[in-house]
Amino acid sequence: MTALLEVKNLKISFKGTPAVKGISFELNKNEVLGIVGESGSGKSVTALSVLGLINNAQYGKESSIKLEGLELIGASNQTLRQVRGSKVGFIFQEPMSSLNPLHKIGAQVAETILLHQKVTKNEAKTQALELLKKVGLKKYEERYKAYPHELSGGERQRVMIAMAISNKPDILIADEPTTALDVTIQKQIIDLILELKKELGMSVIFISHDLKLVSHIADKIVVMYRGKIVEQGKTKDVFENPKNSYTKKLISSINLLKENKKQKNHVLLSLNALTVQYPLKKNIFGKVSAYLNALNNVSLDIFEGETLGIVGESGSGKTTLGQCVVNLIKYQGLIRFNQNLSSKDFRKTVQIIFQDPYNSLNPRMNILEIVGEGLKVHQKDINNKEIEEKVALIIEKVGLTKESLYKYPHEFSGGERQRIAIARAMILEPKIVVLDEPTSALDVTIQQQIIKLLKDLQQKMNMTYIFISHDMRAVKAISDRIAVMKDGRIVETGKTDDILSHPQKDYTKALINASIF
């Protein structure tokens, strides 16, 4: 059988530093190839190289990437433009940095269609609406006119998926396509990709740090580590009989362990009747005529030293709730702490780790400056040497090296950037930390390390966590209690084991049943 895509002896380096070290693999027609490995292993660089989307990359002399016999390394821009979108679709890992913030999302999907198909603008709009509906975007007709910043992380990723499949490509490269999605939408997207594969005879390269997820979708698996392929083969063979020690480590890291803690009785934080509304429509006089209720009369007690997991679909209000706690958005209702905090002490005592580290880290500052910035603000008498020592210590705790201090965010992988964001929050030794999808961008071995790190820090510093996630495995691993959210309301709360073992609400049951990955 002639391979649809053939990669041979692929070597990629940046300024003399090797990133991919002579890898070879094939993708056949109507096949799903899973590429797994830790952050920084070379997965995304390999995928981007297929479409010539890497700047300042040096390829090895014998490196080759052939699509149906057409050599793509060194191909002209015109050839690559014809391949991109029509022959090969790409779902990027970070949709916020891939979508144009100045254009409405419907226009961006329609533009992709117009570039590759001979259709009218109205026909392109009709197709775009159908695609947005197909990928599970709620109120897709209204969302068609929304800007990227008006959508949640999961909704933005669904728009990216609609764009990638808009021209029915022969190959779909999906780079962490479900990272930002809640579990029910994860399942829908995976089912959608498999449905399209069958319907269109499409081949898929599915890149993920989640080995368990890949095992459910891939026919073959390529395991990468530090720029090399350490193992590849049929999915069943790799899982049942892994040869390489690193592959064995990945498989053993799938299940995160939970350690039970004693329930705390002292209420640290009380949320009373929190409501957040966003204007949707205005009349001709400029008066708001319709609102979106992002939070609707939410009340909740959070105990000192506990971890409260907040779960729910994208758009359920999870992130909005977290932003209220750290006073980043306006809300109605009352948030009461058990202690009085000045404005300055509040910023030190209550920290947040954002979902998207790429957009929350200043690209003009190096890691020492980013992580140490809070120390300069809150500890006026600290000197530069002390800052560097403290930053180096926390950076090592989150799994990076001292050599990272003088690098910039763009020099790190998505998972590494998230670890930097965690270090920035933890260095101030806060009492309350809102963790908004803190492990969603991390591979499973690093997830396990971060969960353990968060537990250790919580025990040593008596911190309280609000852990927002769509990943039920991560929530189970760290949370003492769970609050389930839907449409801006809390529909069920309880101890973690009780919620997962005996959910009372149909919505909670659906969330848990969807967490098969």
Protein backbone atom coordinates (compact mmCIF):
# COMPACT_ATOMS: atom_id res chain seq x y z
CA MET A 1 0.00 0.00 0.00
CA THR A 2 1.34 3.44 -0.98
CA ALA A 3 1.38 5.81 1.99
CA LEU A 4 -0.64 9.01 1.79
CA LEU A 5 1.97 10.85 3.85
CA GLU A 6 5.56 9.65 4.14
CA VAL A 7 8.02 11.22 6.58
CA LYS A 8 11.63 10.06 6.29
CA ASN A 9 14.65 10.93 8.43
CA LEU A 10 13.09 14.24 9.50
CA LYS A 11 15.60 16.44 11.28
CA ILE A 12 14.69 19.95 12.45
CA SER A 13 16.88 22.36 14.39
CA PHE A 14 16.64 25.96 15.53
CA LYS A 15 19.85 28.00 15.63
CA GLY A 16 21.82 24.77 15.78
CA THR A 17 19.72 23.22 18.56
CA PRO A 18 18.02 19.99 17.40
CA ALA A 19 14.27 19.70 18.04
CA VAL A 20 13.48 16.66 15.89
CA LYS A 21 16.22 14.06 15.46
CA GLY A 22 15.76 11.88 12.40
CA ILE A 23 12.24 10.47 12.74
CA SER A 24 10.35 8.41 10.15
CA PHE A 25 6.70 7.32 9.96
CA GLU A 26 3.90 6.80 7.45
CA LEU A 27 0.21 7.70 7.34
CA ASN A 28 -2.04 5.58 5.15
CA LYS A 29 -5.40 6.47 3.67
CA ASN A 30 -8.36 6.30 6.05
CA GLU A 31 -6.06 5.79 9.04
CA VAL A 32 -5.66 7.55 12.39
CA LEU A 33 -2.09 7.99 13.59
CA GLY A 34 -1.63 9.09 17.18
CA ILE A 35 1.52 10.99 18.15
CA VAL A 36 2.10 11.12 21.91
CA GLY A 37 4.83 12.29 24.24
CA GLU A 38 5.68 14.89 26.84
CA SER A 39 5.62 18.63 26.19
CA GLY A 40 8.76 19.55 24.29
CA SER A 41 9.15 16.08 22.74
CA GLY A 42 8.80 17.47 19.21
CA LYS A 43 5.17 16.45 18.50
CA SER A 44 3.88 19.86 17.41
CA VAL A 45 7.07 20.81 15.55
CA THR A 46 6.74 17.62 13.51
CA ALA A 47 3.09 18.38 12.68
CA LEU A 48 3.75 22.02 11.75
CA SER A 49 6.60 20.98 9.46
CA VAL A 50 4.15 19.08 7.23
CA LEU A 51 2.65 22.39 6.11
CA GLY A 52 5.84 24.43 6.27
CA LEU A 53 4.50 26.49 9.17
CA ILE A 54 7.77 26.73 11.13
CA ASN A 55 9.84 29.89 10.99
CA ASN A 56 13.65 29.85 11.10
CA ALA A 57 13.84 26.06 11.01
CA GLN A 58 16.79 24.22 9.51
CA TYR A 59 16.04 20.82 7.95
CA GLY A 60 18.50 17.97 7.58
CA LYS A 61 19.82 17.33 4.06
CA GLU A 62 18.15 13.92 3.81
CA SER A 63 14.87 14.99 5.45
CA SER A 64 11.75 14.32 3.42
CA ILE A 65 8.01 14.88 3.81
CA LYS A 66 5.98 13.59 0.86
CA LEU A 67 2.23 13.99 0.37
CA GLU A 68 1.07 11.54 -2.31
CA GLY A 69 4.59 11.69 -3.74
CA LEU A 70 4.83 15.51 -3.63
CA GLU A 71 7.87 16.72 -1.68
CA LEU A 72 6.78 19.42 0.80
CA ILE A 73 10.19 20.36 2.26
CA GLY A 74 11.46 23.16 0.07
CA ALA A 75 8.17 23.44 -1.84
CA SER A 76 7.12 26.87 -3.14
CA ASN A 77 4.72 29.06 -1.16
CA GLN A 78 2.16 28.63 -3.93
CA THR A 79 2.33 24.84 -3.61
CA LEU A 80 2.06 24.99 0.18
CA ARG A 81 -0.93 27.36 -0.02
CA GLN A 82 -2.72 24.86 -2.27
CA VAL A 83 -2.00 22.06 0.19
CA ARG A 84 -3.02 24.00 3.32
CA GLY A 85 -6.73 23.78 4.03
CA SER A 86 -7.75 21.86 0.90
CA LYS A 87 -5.43 18.84 1.17
CA VAL A 88 -4.39 19.11 4.82
CA GLY A 89 -6.47 20.75 7.55
CA PHE A 90 -4.90 21.79 10.85
CA ILE A 91 -6.46 22.23 14.28
CA PHE A 92 -4.10 24.33 16.39
CA GLN A 93 -3.51 23.87 20.11
CA GLU A 94 -4.15 27.49 21.16
CA PRO A 95 -7.20 28.89 19.34
CA MET A 96 -6.99 32.36 20.89
CA SER A 97 -3.65 32.98 19.20
CA SER A 98 -4.87 31.46 15.91
CA LEU A 99 -8.16 33.34 15.48
CA ASN A 100 -8.13 36.95 14.30
CA PRO A 101 -9.40 39.08 17.22
CA LEU A 102 -10.64 41.81 14.83
CA HIS A 103 -13.00 39.61 12.79
CA LYS A 104 -16.18 37.79 13.71
CA ILE A 105 -15.83 34.04 13.93
CA GLY A 106 -18.45 33.35 11.26
CA ALA A 107 -16.59 35.50 8.76
CA GLN A 108 -13.36 33.64 9.54
CA VAL A 109 -14.94 30.24 8.89
CA ALA A 110 -16.57 31.53 5.70
CA GLU A 111 -13.26 33.02 4.52
CA THR A 112 -11.60 29.59 4.74
CA ILE A 113 -14.32 28.21 2.48
CA LEU A 114 -14.10 31.10 -0.02
CA LEU A 115 -10.32 30.68 -0.36
CA HIS A 116 -10.60 27.08 -1.57
CA GLN A 117 -14.08 26.71 -3.08
CA LYS A 118 -15.85 28.43 -5.96
CA VAL A 119 -18.92 29.50 -4.00
CA THR A 120 -20.77 32.74 -3.35
CA LYS A 121 -20.55 34.60 -0.06
CA ASN A 122 -24.06 33.47 0.85
CA GLU A 123 -23.21 29.84 0.08
CA ALA A 124 -20.05 30.15 2.19
CA LYS A 125 -22.11 31.58 5.06
CA THR A 126 -24.59 28.70 4.83
CA GLN A 127 -21.74 26.17 4.94
CA ALA A 128 -20.10 28.00 7.85
CA LEU A 129 -23.32 27.92 9.88
CA GLU A 130 -23.69 24.19 9.20
CA LEU A 131 -20.12 23.59 10.35
CA LEU A 132 -20.58 25.57 13.57
CA LYS A 133 -23.70 23.54 14.29
CA LYS A 134 -21.89 20.30 13.50
CA VAL A 135 -19.06 20.94 15.96
CA GLY A 136 -21.52 21.56 18.79
CA LEU A 137 -21.42 25.35 19.13
CA LYS A 138 -24.46 26.40 21.15
CA LYS A 139 -26.61 29.18 19.66
CA TYR A 140 -24.41 28.95 16.58
CA GLU A 141 -26.53 31.42 14.60
CA GLU A 142 -25.96 34.10 17.25
CA ARG A 143 -22.33 33.09 17.76
CA TYR A 144 -21.72 33.51 14.02
CA LYS A 145 -21.54 37.27 14.66
CA ALA A 146 -19.42 37.01 17.83
CA TYR A 147 -15.75 37.93 18.17
CA PRO A 148 -13.22 35.39 19.51
CA HIS A 149 -12.92 37.12 22.89
CA GLU A 150 -16.68 36.70 23.42
CA LEU A 151 -16.38 32.91 23.35
CA SER A 152 -15.11 30.51 25.99
CA GLY A 153 -11.93 28.52 25.42
CA GLY A 154 -13.87 25.44 24.41
CA GLU A 155 -16.09 27.39 22.03
CA ARG A 156 -13.06 28.94 20.34
CA GLN A 157 -11.54 25.50 19.83
CA ARG A 158 -14.75 24.31 18.19
CA VAL A 159 -14.53 27.22 15.76
CA MET A 160 -10.98 26.14 14.90
CA ILE A 161 -12.20 22.61 14.24
CA ALA A 162 -14.95 23.93 11.96
CA MET A 163 -12.34 25.86 9.97
CA ALA A 164 -10.04 22.83 9.72
CA ILE A 165 -12.72 20.53 8.28
CA SER A 166 -14.44 23.17 6.14
CA ASN A 167 -12.85 21.99 2.86
CA LYS A 168 -13.03 18.26 3.56
CA PRO A 169 -9.25 17.70 3.55
CA ASP A 170 -7.55 14.38 2.82
CA ILE A 171 -5.58 14.69 6.07
CA LEU A 172 -6.65 16.35 9.30
CA ILE A 173 -3.83 17.20 11.71
CA ALA A 174 -5.29 17.71 15.17
CA ASP A 175 -2.81 19.23 17.63
CA GLU A 176 -4.36 18.77 21.10
CA PRO A 177 -7.86 19.43 19.66
CA THR A 178 -9.77 18.61 22.86
CA THR A 179 -7.44 20.17 25.45
CA ALA A 180 -9.75 23.12 26.18
CA LEU A 181 -13.02 21.20 25.93
CA ASP A 182 -15.22 19.77 28.65
CA VAL A 183 -15.68 16.01 28.72
CA THR A 184 -19.05 15.85 26.97
CA ILE A 185 -17.80 18.02 24.10
CA GLN A 186 -14.53 16.03 24.01
CA LYS A 187 -16.56 12.93 23.25
CA GLN A 188 -18.62 14.77 20.64
CA ILE A 189 -15.49 16.07 18.91
CA ILE A 190 -13.79 12.67 18.92
CA ASP A 191 -16.98 11.10 17.54
CA LEU A 192 -17.16 13.87 14.95
CA ILE A 193 -13.58 13.33 13.79
CA LEU A 194 -14.18 9.58 13.47
CA GLU A 195 -17.46 10.21 11.65
CA LEU A 196 -15.74 12.55 9.18
CA LYS A 197 -12.92 10.07 8.72
CA LYS A 198 -15.46 7.43 7.71
CA GLU A 199 -17.63 9.77 5.64
CA LEU A 200 -14.80 11.44 3.69
CA GLY A 201 -12.21 8.69 3.73
CA MET A 202 -10.06 11.16 5.63
CA SER A 203 -6.80 10.33 7.41
CA VAL A 204 -6.00 11.85 10.79
CA ILE A 205 -2.83 12.70 12.68
CA PHE A 206 -3.96 13.09 16.27
CA ILE A 207 -1.39 14.75 18.56
CA SER A 208 -1.94 14.63 22.30
CA HIS A 209 -0.25 14.29 25.67
CA ASP A 210 -3.23 12.17 26.76
CA LEU A 211 -2.25 8.59 25.94
CA LYS A 212 -5.57 7.19 27.09
CA LEU A 213 -7.45 9.53 24.75
CA VAL A 214 -5.20 8.57 21.82
CA SER A 215 -5.75 4.87 22.55
CA HIS A 216 -9.48 5.32 21.86
CA ILE A 217 -9.06 6.94 18.45
CA ALA A 218 -5.76 5.84 16.88
CA ASP A 219 -5.04 2.82 14.69
CA LYS A 220 -1.30 3.32 15.13
CA ILE A 221 0.74 5.17 17.78
CA VAL A 222 4.06 7.00 17.54
CA VAL A 223 5.68 7.71 20.93
CA MET A 224 8.13 10.63 20.94
CA TYR A 225 10.68 11.61 23.56
CA ARG A 226 13.20 14.44 23.27
CA GLY A 227 12.88 14.71 19.52
CA LYS A 228 13.08 11.00 18.77
CA ILE A 229 10.58 8.23 18.14
CA VAL A 230 11.17 5.69 20.90
CA GLU A 231 8.36 3.34 19.91
CA GLN A 232 5.72 2.97 17.22
CA GLY A 233 3.25 0.33 16.16
CA LYS A 234 -0.39 -0.70 16.22
CA THR A 235 -2.23 0.83 19.17
CA LYS A 236 -3.19 -2.50 20.70
CA ASP A 237 0.37 -3.82 20.47
CA VAL A 238 1.90 -0.73 22.04
CA PHE A 239 -0.54 -0.76 24.95
CA GLU A 240 -0.47 -4.49 25.63
CA ASN A 241 3.24 -5.00 25.12
CA PRO A 242 5.24 -1.74 25.33
CA LYS A 243 8.94 -2.21 24.59
CA ASN A 244 10.43 1.14 25.62
CA SER A 245 10.79 2.21 29.26
CA TYR A 246 9.40 5.67 28.49
CA THR A 247 6.27 4.17 26.90
CA LYS A 248 5.81 2.03 30.00
CA LYS A 249 6.11 5.17 32.14
CA LEU A 250 3.45 6.97 30.08
CA ILE A 251 1.04 4.07 30.38
CA SER A 252 1.58 3.78 34.13
CA SER A 253 0.95 7.52 34.53
CA ILE A 254 -2.57 7.39 33.10
CA ASN A 255 -4.26 6.89 36.45
CA LEU A 256 -3.74 9.69 38.95
CA LEU A 257 -3.84 8.59 42.57
CA LYS A 258 -6.06 10.27 45.12
CA GLU A 259 -5.12 10.70 48.74
CA ASN A 260 -8.00 11.27 51.11
CA LYS A 261 -7.85 14.26 53.41
CA LYS A 262 -9.85 15.08 56.48
CA GLN A 263 -12.75 17.41 55.81
CA LYS A 264 -12.15 20.93 57.11
CA ASN A 265 -14.97 22.62 59.01
CA HIS A 266 -13.80 26.24 59.01
CA VAL A 267 -15.38 28.29 56.20
CA LEU A 268 -12.74 30.51 54.59
CA LEU A 269 -14.78 31.90 51.73
CA SER A 270 -18.52 32.37 51.28
CA LEU A 271 -20.16 33.18 47.96
CA ASN A 272 -23.68 34.56 48.32
CA ALA A 273 -26.12 35.01 45.42
CA LEU A 274 -23.44 35.79 42.84
CA THR A 275 -24.87 36.97 39.54
CA VAL A 276 -22.99 38.08 36.42
CA GLN A 277 -24.77 39.37 33.33
CA TYR A 278 -23.34 40.27 29.94
CA PRO A 279 -25.31 42.44 27.49
CA LEU A 280 -26.31 40.59 24.30
CA LYS A 281 -28.54 43.06 22.46
CA LYS A 282 -29.26 46.79 22.49
CA ASN A 283 -32.22 48.65 21.05
CA ILE A 284 -31.93 51.66 18.73
CA PHE A 285 -31.61 53.94 21.79
CA GLY A 286 -28.61 52.04 23.09
CA LYS A 287 -30.47 50.41 25.96
CA VAL A 288 -29.68 46.76 26.66
CA SER A 289 -32.65 44.58 25.70
CA ALA A 290 -31.20 41.11 26.34
CA TYR A 291 -28.63 39.68 28.75
CA LEU A 292 -26.61 36.52 29.01
CA ASN A 293 -26.67 35.17 32.57
CA ALA A 294 -23.11 33.86 32.97
CA LEU A 295 -23.77 33.33 36.70
CA ASN A 296 -27.24 33.07 38.12
CA ASN A 297 -27.66 33.40 41.90
CA VAL A 298 -24.73 31.15 42.89
CA SER A 299 -24.10 30.52 46.59
CA LEU A 300 -21.29 28.35 47.94
CA ASP A 301 -19.10 27.86 51.03
CA ILE A 302 -15.43 26.97 50.61
CA PHE A 303 -13.55 25.47 53.57
CA GLU A 304 -10.03 26.36 54.68
CA GLY A 305 -7.40 23.96 53.36
CA GLU A 306 -9.74 22.07 51.03
CA THR A 307 -9.82 21.72 47.26
CA LEU A 308 -13.18 22.40 45.69
CA GLY A 309 -13.49 21.07 42.16
CA ILE A 310 -15.73 23.03 39.79
CA VAL A 311 -16.88 21.01 36.78
CA GLY A 312 -19.26 21.59 33.90
CA GLU A 313 -19.39 22.15 30.17
CA SER A 314 -17.82 25.11 28.41
CA GLY A 315 -20.03 28.15 29.00
CA SER A 316 -21.45 26.75 32.25
CA GLY A 317 -19.95 29.61 34.29
CA LYS A 318 -16.92 27.87 35.82
CA THR A 319 -14.33 30.44 34.74
CA THR A 320 -16.69 33.35 35.46
CA LEU A 321 -17.06 32.10 39.03
CA GLY A 322 -13.29 31.94 39.43
CA GLN A 323 -12.87 35.46 38.06
CA CYS A 324 -15.40 36.75 40.59
CA VAL A 325 -13.39 35.25 43.46
CA VAL A 326 -10.24 37.10 42.41
CA ASN A 327 -12.24 40.27 41.68
CA LEU A 328 -11.40 40.43 37.97
CA ILE A 329 -14.97 41.10 36.81
CA LYS A 330 -17.98 42.96 38.16
CA TYR A 331 -20.68 40.93 39.86
CA GLN A 332 -23.82 41.26 41.94
CA GLY A 333 -23.97 39.50 45.28
CA LEU A 334 -21.47 39.11 48.10
CA ILE A 335 -18.10 37.39 48.54
CA ARG A 336 -17.08 37.21 52.18
CA PHE A 337 -13.68 36.18 53.56
CA ASN A 338 -13.16 35.11 57.14
CA GLN A 339 -10.55 37.86 57.48
CA ASN A 340 -10.34 41.47 56.42
CA LEU A 341 -7.88 42.07 53.59
CA SER A 342 -6.57 45.35 52.25
CA SER A 343 -6.50 45.75 48.48
CA LYS A 344 -2.74 45.08 48.43
CA ASP A 345 -2.98 42.03 50.73
CA PHE A 346 -5.91 40.71 48.68
CA ARG A 347 -3.80 40.57 45.51
CA LYS A 348 -1.11 38.62 47.35
CA THR A 349 -3.47 36.34 49.27
CA VAL A 350 -5.75 35.41 46.36
CA GLN A 351 -4.06 34.23 43.16
CA ILE A 352 -5.30 32.76 39.88
CA ILE A 353 -3.70 30.46 37.33
CA PHE A 354 -5.29 31.07 33.94
CA GLN A 355 -6.36 28.49 31.40
CA ASP A 356 -4.31 29.91 28.52
CA PRO A 357 -0.71 30.60 29.61
CA TYR A 358 0.29 31.85 26.15
CA ASN A 359 -1.88 34.94 26.56
CA SER A 360 -1.33 35.42 30.30
CA LEU A 361 2.49 35.58 30.13
CA ASN A 362 4.09 38.83 28.96
CA PRO A 363 6.04 37.96 25.76
CA ARG A 364 8.50 40.82 26.38
CA MET A 365 9.60 39.58 29.79
CA ASN A 366 11.85 36.62 30.54
CA ILE A 367 10.84 33.98 33.07
CA LEU A 368 12.82 35.51 35.92
CA GLU A 369 11.01 38.81 35.40
CA ILE A 370 7.57 37.19 35.00
CA VAL A 371 7.73 34.95 38.07
CA GLY A 372 9.61 37.48 40.20
CA GLU A 373 7.35 40.42 39.38
CA GLY A 374 4.98 39.70 42.28
CA LEU A 375 7.87 39.65 44.75
CA LYS A 376 8.95 43.13 43.67
CA VAL A 377 5.42 44.44 44.14
CA HIS A 378 4.72 42.86 47.53
CA GLN A 379 8.18 42.71 49.11
CA LYS A 380 9.74 46.14 48.65
CA ASP A 381 12.92 45.32 50.59
CA ILE A 382 13.84 42.23 48.57
CA ASN A 383 16.96 42.47 46.39
CA ASN A 384 17.61 41.01 42.94
CA LYS A 385 19.75 38.14 44.22
CA GLU A 386 17.02 37.02 46.62
CA ILE A 387 14.44 37.24 43.83
CA GLU A 388 16.56 35.08 41.54
CA GLU A 389 17.07 32.48 44.27
CA LYS A 390 13.35 32.26 45.07
CA VAL A 391 12.37 32.14 41.40
CA ALA A 392 14.94 29.41 40.68
CA LEU A 393 13.56 27.36 43.58
CA ILE A 394 9.92 27.55 42.51
CA ILE A 395 10.83 26.98 38.85
CA GLU A 396 12.57 23.74 39.76
CA LYS A 397 9.57 22.67 41.85
CA VAL A 398 7.28 22.92 38.82
CA GLY A 399 9.63 20.82 36.70
CA LEU A 400 11.80 23.36 34.85
CA THR A 401 15.52 24.11 35.17
CA LYS A 402 17.50 27.15 36.27
CA GLU A 403 18.57 27.59 32.65
CA SER A 404 14.96 28.57 31.92
CA LEU A 405 15.15 31.83 33.87
CA TYR A 406 16.47 33.97 31.04
CA LYS A 407 14.32 32.51 28.28
CA TYR A 408 11.08 34.03 26.98
CA PRO A 409 7.58 32.46 26.85
CA HIS A 410 7.71 31.73 23.09
CA GLU A 411 10.72 29.48 23.67
CA PHE A 412 8.63 27.00 25.69
CA SER A 413 5.99 24.43 24.82
CA GLY A 414 2.37 24.85 25.93
CA GLY A 415 2.84 22.60 28.94
CA GLU A 416 6.03 24.36 29.99
CA ARG A 417 4.29 27.75 29.80
CA GLN A 418 1.57 26.46 32.11
CA ARG A 419 4.19 25.41 34.64
CA ILE A 420 5.62 28.93 34.51
CA ALA A 421 2.14 30.32 35.23
CA ILE A 422 1.82 28.00 38.23
CA ALA A 423 5.20 29.14 39.54
CA ARG A 424 4.17 32.79 39.20
CA ALA A 425 1.12 32.24 41.40
CA MET A 426 2.77 30.00 44.00
CA ILE A 427 5.82 32.17 44.64
CA LEU A 428 3.69 34.61 46.69
CA GLU A 429 2.52 31.80 49.01
CA PRO A 430 -1.18 32.68 48.67
CA LYS A 431 -3.97 31.39 50.91
CA ILE A 432 -6.49 30.94 48.09
CA VAL A 433 -5.64 29.85 44.54
CA VAL A 434 -8.12 29.65 41.70
CA LEU A 435 -6.80 27.06 39.25
CA ASP A 436 -8.53 27.46 35.89
CA GLU A 437 -7.69 24.28 33.91
CA PRO A 438 -4.12 24.21 35.31
CA THR A 439 -3.27 20.77 33.93
CA SER A 440 -5.19 20.78 30.65
CA ALA A 441 -2.09 21.58 28.57
CA LEU A 442 0.17 19.09 30.31
CA ASP A 443 1.08 15.54 29.33
CA VAL A 444 0.05 12.80 31.72
CA THR A 445 3.40 12.36 33.46
CA ILE A 446 3.64 16.10 34.14
CA GLN A 447 -0.03 16.20 35.17
CA GLN A 448 0.80 13.67 37.83
CA GLN A 449 3.80 15.73 38.98
CA ILE A 450 1.77 18.96 39.09
CA ILE A 451 -1.09 17.33 41.01
CA LYS A 452 1.43 16.01 43.52
CA LEU A 453 3.13 19.43 43.68
CA LEU A 454 -0.19 21.18 44.30
CA LYS A 455 -1.05 18.72 47.07
CA ASP A 456 2.35 19.12 48.73
CA LEU A 457 2.19 22.92 48.61
CA GLN A 458 -1.36 22.89 49.91
CA GLN A 459 -0.38 20.78 52.91
CA LYS A 460 2.74 22.82 53.72
CA MET A 461 1.15 26.24 53.23
CA ASN A 462 -2.45 25.45 54.23
CA MET A 463 -3.72 26.79 50.92
CA THR A 464 -7.28 26.53 49.66
CA TYR A 465 -7.86 25.61 46.03
CA ILE A 466 -10.74 26.22 43.68
CA PHE A 467 -9.92 23.74 40.94
CA ILE A 468 -11.77 24.40 37.67
CA SER A 469 -11.50 21.65 35.11
CA HIS A 470 -13.27 19.53 32.51
CA ASP A 471 -10.86 16.65 33.21
CA MET A 472 -12.67 14.36 35.63
CA ARG A 473 -9.51 12.35 36.31
CA ALA A 474 -7.68 15.46 37.48
CA VAL A 475 -10.69 16.61 39.53
CA LYS A 476 -10.95 13.19 41.16
CA ALA A 477 -7.22 13.18 41.93
CA ILE A 478 -7.12 16.49 43.81
CA SER A 479 -10.61 17.53 44.92
CA ASP A 480 -12.20 16.98 48.33
CA ARG A 481 -15.58 18.20 47.13
CA ILE A 482 -17.14 18.85 43.72
CA ALA A 483 -19.61 21.51 42.58
CA VAL A 484 -21.28 20.79 39.23
CA MET A 485 -22.29 23.81 37.14
CA LYS A 486 -24.71 24.17 34.24
CA ASP A 487 -26.00 27.33 32.57
CA GLY A 488 -24.62 29.60 35.28
CA ARG A 489 -26.05 27.64 38.19
CA ILE A 490 -24.76 25.02 40.63
CA VAL A 491 -26.86 21.90 40.09
CA GLU A 492 -25.14 19.54 42.53
CA THR A 493 -22.46 19.60 45.24
CA GLY A 494 -20.98 16.94 47.47
CA LYS A 495 -17.90 14.98 48.47
CA THR A 496 -15.87 13.84 45.48
CA ASP A 497 -16.39 10.11 46.01
CA ASP A 498 -20.14 10.60 46.54
CA ILE A 499 -20.58 12.69 43.39
CA LEU A 500 -18.56 10.33 41.20
CA SER A 501 -20.05 7.14 42.62
CA HIS A 502 -23.66 8.22 43.19
CA PRO A 503 -24.52 11.35 41.15
CA GLN A 504 -28.07 12.56 41.75
CA LYS A 505 -28.68 14.78 38.73
CA ASP A 506 -29.00 13.59 35.13
CA TYR A 507 -26.57 16.28 34.00
CA THR A 508 -23.91 15.08 36.44
CA LYS A 509 -24.45 11.50 35.28
CA ALA A 510 -23.98 12.62 31.66
CA LEU A 511 -20.70 14.39 32.54
CA ILE A 512 -19.34 11.33 34.31
CA ASN A 513 -20.47 8.92 31.59
CA ALA A 514 -18.75 11.10 28.98
CA SER A 515 -15.45 10.85 30.83
CA ILE A 516 -14.45 7.58 29.20
CA PHE A 517 -11.17 9.06 28.08
